[in-house]
C-alpha atoms as a PDB file:
ATOM      1  CA  MET A   1      44.599  98.753  82.448  1.00  0.00           C
ATOM      2  CA  GLY A   2      43.615  96.417  85.300  1.00  0.00           C
ATOM      3  CA  GLN A   3      41.338  97.942  87.899  1.00  0.00           C
ATOM      4  CA  ILE A   4      42.022  97.745  91.603  1.00  0.00           C
ATOM      5  CA  PRO A   5      39.272  96.809  94.072  1.00  0.00           C
ATOM      6  CA  GLU A   6      38.727 100.420  95.181  1.00  0.00           C
ATOM      7  CA  GLN A   7      38.056 101.466  91.589  1.00  0.00           C
ATOM      8  CA  ILE A   8      35.676  98.579  91.115  1.00  0.00           C
ATOM      9  CA  ASP A   9      33.753  99.448  94.247  1.00  0.00           C
ATOM     10  CA  HIS A  10      33.502 103.068  93.145  1.00  0.00           C
ATOM     11  CA  GLN A  11      32.270 102.086  89.689  1.00  0.00           C
ATOM     12  CA  LEU A  12      29.642  99.440  90.472  1.00  0.00           C
ATOM     13  CA  HIS A  13      28.654  99.925  94.127  1.00  0.00           C
ATOM     14  CA  THR A  14      26.330 102.882  94.463  1.00  0.00           C
ATOM     15  CA  ASP A  15      24.392 104.201  97.411  1.00  0.00           C
ATOM     16  CA  ASP A  16      21.794 101.652  98.602  1.00  0.00           C
ATOM     17  CA  ASP A  17      18.889 104.064  98.057  1.00  0.00           C
ATOM     18  CA  GLU A  18      19.992 104.869  94.516  1.00  0.00           C
ATOM     19  CA  GLN A  19      20.421 101.189  93.766  1.00  0.00           C
ATOM     20  CA  GLN A  20      16.895 100.361  94.958  1.00  0.00           C
ATOM     21  CA  GLU A  21      15.441 103.185  92.881  1.00  0.00           C
ATOM     22  CA  SER A  22      17.261 102.070  89.742  1.00  0.00           C
ATOM     23  CA  GLU A  23      16.724  98.303  89.986  1.00  0.00           C
ATOM     24  CA  GLU A  24      13.094  98.461  88.853  1.00  0.00           C
ATOM     25  CA  GLU A  25      14.008 100.702  85.935  1.00  0.00           C
ATOM     26  CA  GLU A  26      16.730  98.260  84.842  1.00  0.00           C
ATOM     27  CA  GLN A  27      14.227  95.420  84.759  1.00  0.00           C
ATOM     28  CA  LEU A  28      11.793  97.299  82.508  1.00  0.00           C
ATOM     29  CA  PRO A  29      12.673  97.150  78.815  1.00  0.00           C
ATOM     30  CA  SER A  30      12.655 100.556  77.204  1.00  0.00           C
ATOM     31  CA  SER A  31      11.967 100.858  73.491  1.00  0.00           C
ATOM     32  CA  ASN A  32      13.927 104.106  73.488  1.00  0.00           C
ATOM     33  CA  THR A  33      17.113 102.938  75.178  1.00  0.00           C
ATOM     34  CA  GLN A  34      17.249  99.132  75.100  1.00  0.00           C
ATOM     35  CA  LYS A  35      19.550  97.663  72.457  1.00  0.00           C
ATOM     36  CA  TRP A  36      19.861  94.020  71.444  1.00  0.00           C
ATOM     37  CA  LYS A  37      22.611  91.924  69.922  1.00  0.00           C
ATOM     38  CA  LYS A  38      21.175  88.442  69.279  1.00  0.00           C
ATOM     39  CA  HIS A  39      20.344  86.975  72.732  1.00  0.00           C
ATOM     40  CA  TYR A  40      21.794  89.884  74.692  1.00  0.00           C
ATOM     41  CA  SER A  41      20.292  93.174  75.789  1.00  0.00           C
ATOM     42  CA  SER A  42      21.858  96.383  77.028  1.00  0.00           C
ATOM     43  CA  ASN A  43      19.518  95.952  80.027  1.00  0.00           C
ATOM     44  CA  HIS A  44      21.153  92.643  80.949  1.00  0.00           C
ATOM     45  CA  LYS A  45      23.949  92.466  83.461  1.00  0.00           C
ATOM     46  CA  ILE A  46      26.326  90.086  81.680  1.00  0.00           C
ATOM     47  CA  LEU A  47      29.372  88.149  82.851  1.00  0.00           C
ATOM     48  CA  PHE A  48      31.753  86.842  80.179  1.00  0.00           C
ATOM     49  CA  VAL A  49      34.272  84.171  81.167  1.00  0.00           C
ATOM     50  CA  GLY A  50      37.216  82.596  79.345  1.00  0.00           C
ATOM     51  CA  GLU A  51      37.285  85.646  77.111  1.00  0.00           C
ATOM     52  CA  GLY A  52      40.496  85.106  75.157  1.00  0.00           C
ATOM     53  CA  ASP A  53      41.295  88.431  73.492  1.00  0.00           C
ATOM     54  CA  PHE A  54      38.044  90.048  74.763  1.00  0.00           C
ATOM     55  CA  SER A  55      36.700  90.444  71.221  1.00  0.00           C
ATOM     56  CA  PHE A  56      33.296  88.890  71.985  1.00  0.00           C
ATOM     57  CA  SER A  57      32.483  91.138  74.920  1.00  0.00           C
ATOM     58  CA  LEU A  58      33.797  94.110  72.948  1.00  0.00           C
ATOM     59  CA  CYS A  59      31.434  93.257  70.085  1.00  0.00           C
ATOM     60  CA  LEU A  60      28.480  93.569  72.459  1.00  0.00           C
ATOM     61  CA  ALA A  61      29.868  96.706  74.082  1.00  0.00           C
ATOM     62  CA  ARG A  62      30.064  98.386  70.691  1.00  0.00           C
ATOM     63  CA  ALA A  63      26.563  97.220  69.767  1.00  0.00           C
ATOM     64  CA  PHE A  64      25.154  98.585  73.030  1.00  0.00           C
ATOM     65  CA  GLY A  65      27.142 101.809  72.829  1.00  0.00           C
ATOM     66  CA  SER A  66      28.277 101.230  76.406  1.00  0.00           C
ATOM     67  CA  ALA A  67      29.729  98.468  78.565  1.00  0.00           C
ATOM     68  CA  HIS A  68      28.557  99.576  82.005  1.00  0.00           C
ATOM     69  CA  ASN A  69      26.422  96.437  82.231  1.00  0.00           C
ATOM     70  CA  LEU A  70      29.313  94.084  81.362  1.00  0.00           C
ATOM     71  CA  VAL A  71      32.000  92.222  83.299  1.00  0.00           C
ATOM     72  CA  ALA A  72      34.616  90.467  81.153  1.00  0.00           C
ATOM     73  CA  THR A  73      37.090  87.973  82.627  1.00  0.00           C
ATOM     74  CA  SER A  74      40.048  85.892  81.542  1.00  0.00           C
ATOM     75  CA  LEU A  75      41.935  83.004  83.098  1.00  0.00           C
ATOM     76  CA  ASP A  76      45.157  84.690  81.989  1.00  0.00           C
ATOM     77  CA  SER A  77      46.988  87.496  83.722  1.00  0.00           C
ATOM     78  CA  GLN A  78      47.140  90.910  82.123  1.00  0.00           C
ATOM     79  CA  GLU A  79      50.757  90.236  81.122  1.00  0.00           C
ATOM     80  CA  LYS A  80      49.853  86.943  79.427  1.00  0.00           C
ATOM     81  CA  ILE A  81      47.036  88.595  77.515  1.00  0.00           C
ATOM     82  CA  GLU A  82      49.474  91.116  76.100  1.00  0.00           C
ATOM     83  CA  LYS A  83      51.871  88.351  75.020  1.00  0.00           C
ATOM     84  CA  LYS A  84      49.320  85.862  73.661  1.00  0.00           C
ATOM     85  CA  TYR A  85      47.011  88.083  71.630  1.00  0.00           C
ATOM     86  CA  SER A  86      47.804  90.828  69.156  1.00  0.00           C
ATOM     87  CA  ASN A  87      44.609  92.721  70.050  1.00  0.00           C
ATOM     88  CA  GLY A  88      44.058  91.538  73.619  1.00  0.00           C
ATOM     89  CA  ALA A  89      45.435  94.583  75.396  1.00  0.00           C
ATOM     90  CA  SER A  90      43.760  97.114  73.108  1.00  0.00           C
ATOM     91  CA  ASN A  91      40.420  95.304  73.296  1.00  0.00           C
ATOM     92  CA  ALA A  92      40.546  95.252  77.105  1.00  0.00           C
ATOM     93  CA  ARG A  93      41.474  98.912  77.181  1.00  0.00           C
ATOM     94  CA  GLU A  94      38.540  99.863  74.941  1.00  0.00           C
ATOM     95  CA  LEU A  95      36.185  97.804  77.100  1.00  0.00           C
ATOM     96  CA  GLU A  96      37.300  99.668  80.203  1.00  0.00           C
ATOM     97  CA  GLU A  97      36.952 103.010  78.435  1.00  0.00           C
ATOM     98  CA  ARG A  98      33.355 102.032  77.637  1.00  0.00           C
ATOM     99  CA  GLY A  99      32.683 101.222  81.296  1.00  0.00           C
ATOM    100  CA  CYS A 100      33.270  97.464  81.431  1.00  0.00           C
ATOM    101  CA  ILE A 101      34.899  95.791  84.428  1.00  0.00           C
ATOM    102  CA  VAL A 102      37.818  93.679  83.149  1.00  0.00           C
ATOM    103  CA  LEU A 103      39.170  91.025  85.502  1.00  0.00           C
ATOM    104  CA  TYR A 104      42.209  88.790  85.090  1.00  0.00           C
ATOM    105  CA  ASP A 105      43.267  85.467  86.673  1.00  0.00           C
ATOM    106  CA  VAL A 106      39.639  84.342  86.997  1.00  0.00           C
ATOM    107  CA  ASP A 107      39.305  80.542  87.108  1.00  0.00           C
ATOM    108  CA  VAL A 108      35.750  79.542  86.151  1.00  0.00           C
ATOM    109  CA  LYS A 109      35.956  76.477  88.429  1.00  0.00           C
ATOM    110  CA  VAL A 110      36.208  78.679  91.552  1.00  0.00           C
ATOM    111  CA  MET A 111      34.964  82.072  90.343  1.00  0.00           C
ATOM    112  CA  SER A 112      31.991  82.135  92.728  1.00  0.00           C
ATOM    113  CA  GLN A 113      34.571  82.792  95.480  1.00  0.00           C
ATOM    114  CA  HIS A 114      36.265  85.656  93.633  1.00  0.00           C
ATOM    115  CA  PHE A 115      36.447  88.737  95.877  1.00  0.00           C
ATOM    116  CA  PHE A 116      34.358  90.834  93.486  1.00  0.00           C
ATOM    117  CA  LEU A 117      32.217  88.347  91.562  1.00  0.00           C
ATOM    118  CA  LYS A 118      30.824  86.764  94.721  1.00  0.00           C
ATOM    119  CA  THR A 119      29.092  90.070  95.485  1.00  0.00           C
ATOM    120  CA  GLN A 120      27.355  90.172  92.102  1.00  0.00           C
ATOM    121  CA  ARG A 121      24.412  88.453  90.404  1.00  0.00           C
ATOM    122  CA  PHE A 122      24.035  88.343  86.641  1.00  0.00           C
ATOM    123  CA  ASP A 123      21.238  88.042  84.097  1.00  0.00           C
ATOM    124  CA  ARG A 124      23.566  86.182  81.731  1.00  0.00           C
ATOM    125  CA  VAL A 125      26.782  84.223  82.251  1.00  0.00           C
ATOM    126  CA  VAL A 126      28.462  83.547  78.898  1.00  0.00           C
ATOM    127  CA  TYR A 127      31.184  81.023  78.095  1.00  0.00           C
ATOM    128  CA  ASN A 128      32.114  80.578  74.442  1.00  0.00           C
ATOM    129  CA  PHE A 129      33.856  77.362  73.406  1.00  0.00           C
ATOM    130  CA  PRO A 130      35.089  76.159  76.810  1.00  0.00           C
ATOM    131  CA  HIS A 131      38.311  74.160  76.573  1.00  0.00           C
ATOM    132  CA  VAL A 132      41.124  73.220  78.956  1.00  0.00           C
ATOM    133  CA  GLY A 133      43.802  73.429  76.291  1.00  0.00           C
ATOM    134  CA  PHE A 134      45.435  70.917  73.988  1.00  0.00           C
ATOM    135  CA  ILE A 135      46.958  68.550  76.528  1.00  0.00           C
ATOM    136  CA  TYR A 136      46.046  65.281  74.809  1.00  0.00           C
ATOM    137  CA  PRO A 137      44.590  64.486  71.368  1.00  0.00           C
ATOM    138  CA  GLU A 138      41.172  66.108  71.087  1.00  0.00           C
ATOM    139  CA  ASN A 139      39.267  62.824  70.807  1.00  0.00           C
ATOM    140  CA  SER A 140      41.202  60.981  73.519  1.00  0.00           C
ATOM    141  CA  TYR A 141      39.511  59.823  76.726  1.00  0.00           C
ATOM    142  CA  CYS A 142      41.823  61.909  78.937  1.00  0.00           C
ATOM    143  CA  GLN A 143      41.188  65.120  76.974  1.00  0.00           C
ATOM    144  CA  ILE A 144      37.427  64.600  77.027  1.00  0.00           C
ATOM    145  CA  GLN A 145      37.445  63.955  80.777  1.00  0.00           C
ATOM    146  CA  LEU A 146      39.416  67.126  81.442  1.00  0.00           C
ATOM    147  CA  ASN A 147      36.957  69.175  79.410  1.00  0.00           C
ATOM    148  CA  LYS A 148      34.016  67.567  81.212  1.00  0.00           C
ATOM    149  CA  LYS A 149      35.628  68.475  84.538  1.00  0.00           C
ATOM    150  CA  LEU A 150      35.976  72.072  83.335  1.00  0.00           C
ATOM    151  CA  LEU A 151      32.287  72.209  82.431  1.00  0.00           C
ATOM    152  CA  LYS A 152      31.324  70.684  85.771  1.00  0.00           C
ATOM    153  CA  GLY A 153      33.227  73.335  87.719  1.00  0.00           C
ATOM    154  CA  PHE A 154      32.030  76.173  85.526  1.00  0.00           C
ATOM    155  CA  MET A 155      28.354  75.288  85.792  1.00  0.00           C
ATOM    156  CA  ALA A 156      28.446  74.895  89.569  1.00  0.00           C
ATOM    157  CA  ASN A 157      30.074  78.319  89.925  1.00  0.00           C
ATOM    158  CA  ALA A 158      28.022  80.080  87.247  1.00  0.00           C
ATOM    159  CA  LYS A 159      24.844  78.865  88.929  1.00  0.00           C
ATOM    160  CA  ALA A 160      25.893  80.596  92.159  1.00  0.00           C
ATOM    161  CA  LEU A 161      26.353  83.909  90.313  1.00  0.00           C
ATOM    162  CA  LEU A 162      23.057  83.799  88.427  1.00  0.00           C
ATOM    163  CA  LYS A 163      19.993  85.868  89.207  1.00  0.00           C
ATOM    164  CA  LYS A 164      17.182  83.547  90.262  1.00  0.00           C
ATOM    165  CA  GLU A 165      14.580  85.354  88.187  1.00  0.00           C
ATOM    166  CA  GLY A 166      15.232  85.129  84.463  1.00  0.00           C
ATOM    167  CA  GLY A 167      18.944  84.329  84.730  1.00  0.00           C
ATOM    168  CA  GLU A 168      20.546  82.214  82.005  1.00  0.00           C
ATOM    169  CA  ILE A 169      23.884  80.480  81.492  1.00  0.00           C
ATOM    170  CA  HIS A 170      24.980  80.424  77.858  1.00  0.00           C
ATOM    171  CA  VAL A 171      27.571  77.933  76.626  1.00  0.00           C
ATOM    172  CA  THR A 172      28.523  78.006  72.959  1.00  0.00           C
ATOM    173  CA  HIS A 173      29.817  74.580  71.997  1.00  0.00           C
ATOM    174  CA  LYS A 174      30.929  72.785  68.863  1.00  0.00           C
ATOM    175  CA  GLU A 175      28.789  69.887  67.646  1.00  0.00           C
ATOM    176  CA  GLY A 176      29.772  66.423  66.462  1.00  0.00           C
ATOM    177  CA  ASP A 177      32.464  64.029  67.603  1.00  0.00           C
ATOM    178  CA  PRO A 178      34.223  64.316  70.034  1.00  0.00           C
ATOM    179  CA  TYR A 179      32.396  67.351  71.447  1.00  0.00           C
ATOM    180  CA  ASN A 180      29.109  65.532  71.874  1.00  0.00           C
ATOM    181  CA  LYS A 181      30.917  63.256  74.328  1.00  0.00           C
ATOM    182  CA  TRP A 182      31.286  66.127  76.794  1.00  0.00           C
ATOM    183  CA  ASP A 183      27.685  65.526  77.937  1.00  0.00           C
ATOM    184  CA  ILE A 184      27.060  69.218  78.376  1.00  0.00           C
ATOM    185  CA  VAL A 185      23.296  68.923  78.959  1.00  0.00           C
ATOM    186  CA  ARG A 186      23.607  66.113  81.489  1.00  0.00           C
ATOM    187  CA  LYS A 187      26.387  67.952  83.324  1.00  0.00           C
ATOM    188  CA  ALA A 188      24.056  70.921  83.640  1.00  0.00           C
ATOM    189  CA  GLU A 189      21.108  68.843  84.847  1.00  0.00           C
ATOM    190  CA  LYS A 190      23.200  67.309  87.616  1.00  0.00           C
ATOM    191  CA  ARG A 191      23.863  70.816  88.885  1.00  0.00           C
ATOM    192  CA  GLY A 192      20.281  71.995  88.977  1.00  0.00           C
ATOM    193  CA  LEU A 193      20.236  73.560  85.515  1.00  0.00           C
ATOM    194  CA  LEU A 194      17.844  72.701  82.702  1.00  0.00           C
ATOM    195  CA  LEU A 195      18.290  73.315  78.995  1.00  0.00           C
ATOM    196  CA  HIS A 196      15.941  76.116  78.001  1.00  0.00           C
ATOM    197  CA  GLN A 197      16.972  76.396  74.357  1.00  0.00           C
ATOM    198  CA  ALA A 198      19.767  75.490  71.952  1.00  0.00           C
ATOM    199  CA  VAL A 199      20.220  77.785  68.969  1.00  0.00           C
ATOM    200  CA  PRO A 200      22.726  77.669  66.093  1.00  0.00           C
ATOM    201  CA  PHE A 201      25.772  79.881  66.566  1.00  0.00           C
ATOM    202  CA  PHE A 202      27.017  81.918  63.628  1.00  0.00           C
ATOM    203  CA  LYS A 203      30.213  83.865  64.076  1.00  0.00           C
ATOM    204  CA  ASP A 204      29.136  86.475  61.512  1.00  0.00           C
ATOM    205  CA  ASP A 205      26.372  87.550  63.892  1.00  0.00           C
ATOM    206  CA  TYR A 206      29.073  89.092  66.093  1.00  0.00           C
ATOM    207  CA  PRO A 207      31.181  91.525  64.020  1.00  0.00           C
ATOM    208  CA  GLY A 208      34.704  91.780  65.343  1.00  0.00           C
ATOM    209  CA  TYR A 209      34.568  88.540  67.318  1.00  0.00           C
ATOM    210  CA  ASP A 210      37.680  86.465  66.670  1.00  0.00           C
ATOM    211  CA  ASN A 211      37.531  83.081  68.391  1.00  0.00           C
ATOM    212  CA  LYS A 212      41.048  82.142  69.494  1.00  0.00           C
ATOM    213  CA  ARG A 213      42.811  78.834  70.036  1.00  0.00           C
ATOM    214  CA  ALA A 214      44.037  80.421  73.295  1.00  0.00           C
ATOM    215  CA  HIS A 215      46.588  77.697  74.023  1.00  0.00           C
ATOM    216  CA  GLY A 216      50.100  76.903  72.880  1.00  0.00           C
ATOM    217  CA  LYS A 217      52.284  78.672  70.331  1.00  0.00           C
ATOM    218  CA  LEU A 218      49.301  79.284  68.048  1.00  0.00           C
ATOM    219  CA  SER A 219      47.151  80.883  70.748  1.00  0.00           C
ATOM    220  CA  ASP A 220      46.413  83.989  68.654  1.00  0.00           C
ATOM    221  CA  LEU A 221      45.060  82.008  65.701  1.00  0.00           C
ATOM    222  CA  SER A 222      41.389  81.315  65.140  1.00  0.00           C
ATOM    223  CA  PHE A 223      39.928  77.834  64.847  1.00  0.00           C
ATOM    224  CA  PRO A 224      37.117  76.754  62.502  1.00  0.00           C
ATOM    225  CA  VAL A 225      33.816  77.050  64.334  1.00  0.00           C
ATOM    226  CA  GLY A 226      31.997  74.642  62.047  1.00  0.00           C
ATOM    227  CA  GLU A 227      28.624  73.552  63.383  1.00  0.00           C
ATOM    228  CA  ALA A 228      28.043  75.002  66.841  1.00  0.00           C
ATOM    229  CA  ASN A 229      25.140  75.818  69.140  1.00  0.00           C
ATOM    230  CA  THR A 230      24.579  78.225  72.002  1.00  0.00           C
ATOM    231  CA  TYR A 231      23.050  76.228  74.853  1.00  0.00           C
ATOM    232  CA  LYS A 232      20.879  78.300  77.173  1.00  0.00           C
ATOM    233  CA  PHE A 233      20.396  76.920  80.684  1.00  0.00           C
ATOM    234  CA  LYS A 234      18.109  78.152  83.444  1.00  0.00           C
ATOM    235  CA  LEU A 235      17.756  77.248  87.082  1.00  0.00           C
ATOM    236  CA  GLN A 236      15.423  74.304  87.519  1.00  0.00           C
ATOM    237  CA  THR A 237      13.338  76.238  90.064  1.00  0.00           C
ATOM    238  CA  SER A 238      12.719  79.110  87.639  1.00  0.00           C
ATOM    239  CA  LEU A 239      11.528  76.737  84.916  1.00  0.00           C
ATOM    240  CA  ILE A 240       9.339  74.807  87.338  1.00  0.00           C
ATOM    241  CA  GLY A 241       7.842  78.033  88.630  1.00  0.00           C
ATOM    242  CA  LYS A 242       7.163  79.161  85.085  1.00  0.00           C
ATOM    243  CA  SER A 243       5.401  75.924  84.171  1.00  0.00           C
ATOM    244  CA  VAL A 244       3.205  76.148  87.297  1.00  0.00           C
ATOM    245  CA  SER A 245       2.210  79.746  86.564  1.00  0.00           C
ATOM    246  CA  GLU A 246       1.439  78.840  82.955  1.00  0.00           C
ATOM    247  CA  LYS A 247      -0.856  76.012  84.095  1.00  0.00           C
ATOM    248  CA  LYS A 248      -2.691  78.355  86.467  1.00  0.00           C
ATOM    249  CA  SER A 249      -3.208  80.918  83.745  1.00  0.00           C
ATOM    250  CA  LYS A 250      -4.702  78.292  81.453  1.00  0.00           C
ATOM    251  CA  ASN A 251      -7.156  77.028  84.085  1.00  0.00           C
END
């Protein structure tokens, strides 16, 4: 199931001339071929991290009819995925059959140095319900600090993998106590990212997505999503540039 570097290079690295010819076409939305699932387009190059059983990325792959524009990653090894999740292995296999690159042992806190990811730039980097695992009680100071550290590392690395023009980092996060203590927006701002939009997240919008606890003996069970939002962050420079161009157009 896992792909070796040579296979990855063969799949995503094309001849330089062909790549230059196709880049402009990829940027232009086509009413005939472009497909959307909520915030995501089949024209977007999307990186999914912390994917659990890969059901979220697979939902988009099915909606698009292809996964050639997707890279799905997990912190776990391929062997752990098979043990932890009843559908993890089959979901990853279907993703690969649809053209997705599936990568294992990817730590979001250092992923910008990953041998393959560091060569790529993405339109969207997606992290649903980031969490370090149930080490302490959920509302304890130590647990909150660990989760804040995870977000800090993720955002710094996701920023490095983002396309400068139009790139967005999406973090879906539960609302209310203690999750509002993670300071997700301030963590982003300190790393040169600004909140572009926060929209309510509804699990039913993504058929087949099964959010997993991912940790402990109950790793294959879902958890109640409750009230949650998808936070969309952009590079500060891209937002500043946009505001300047908007002012010029008005004058």
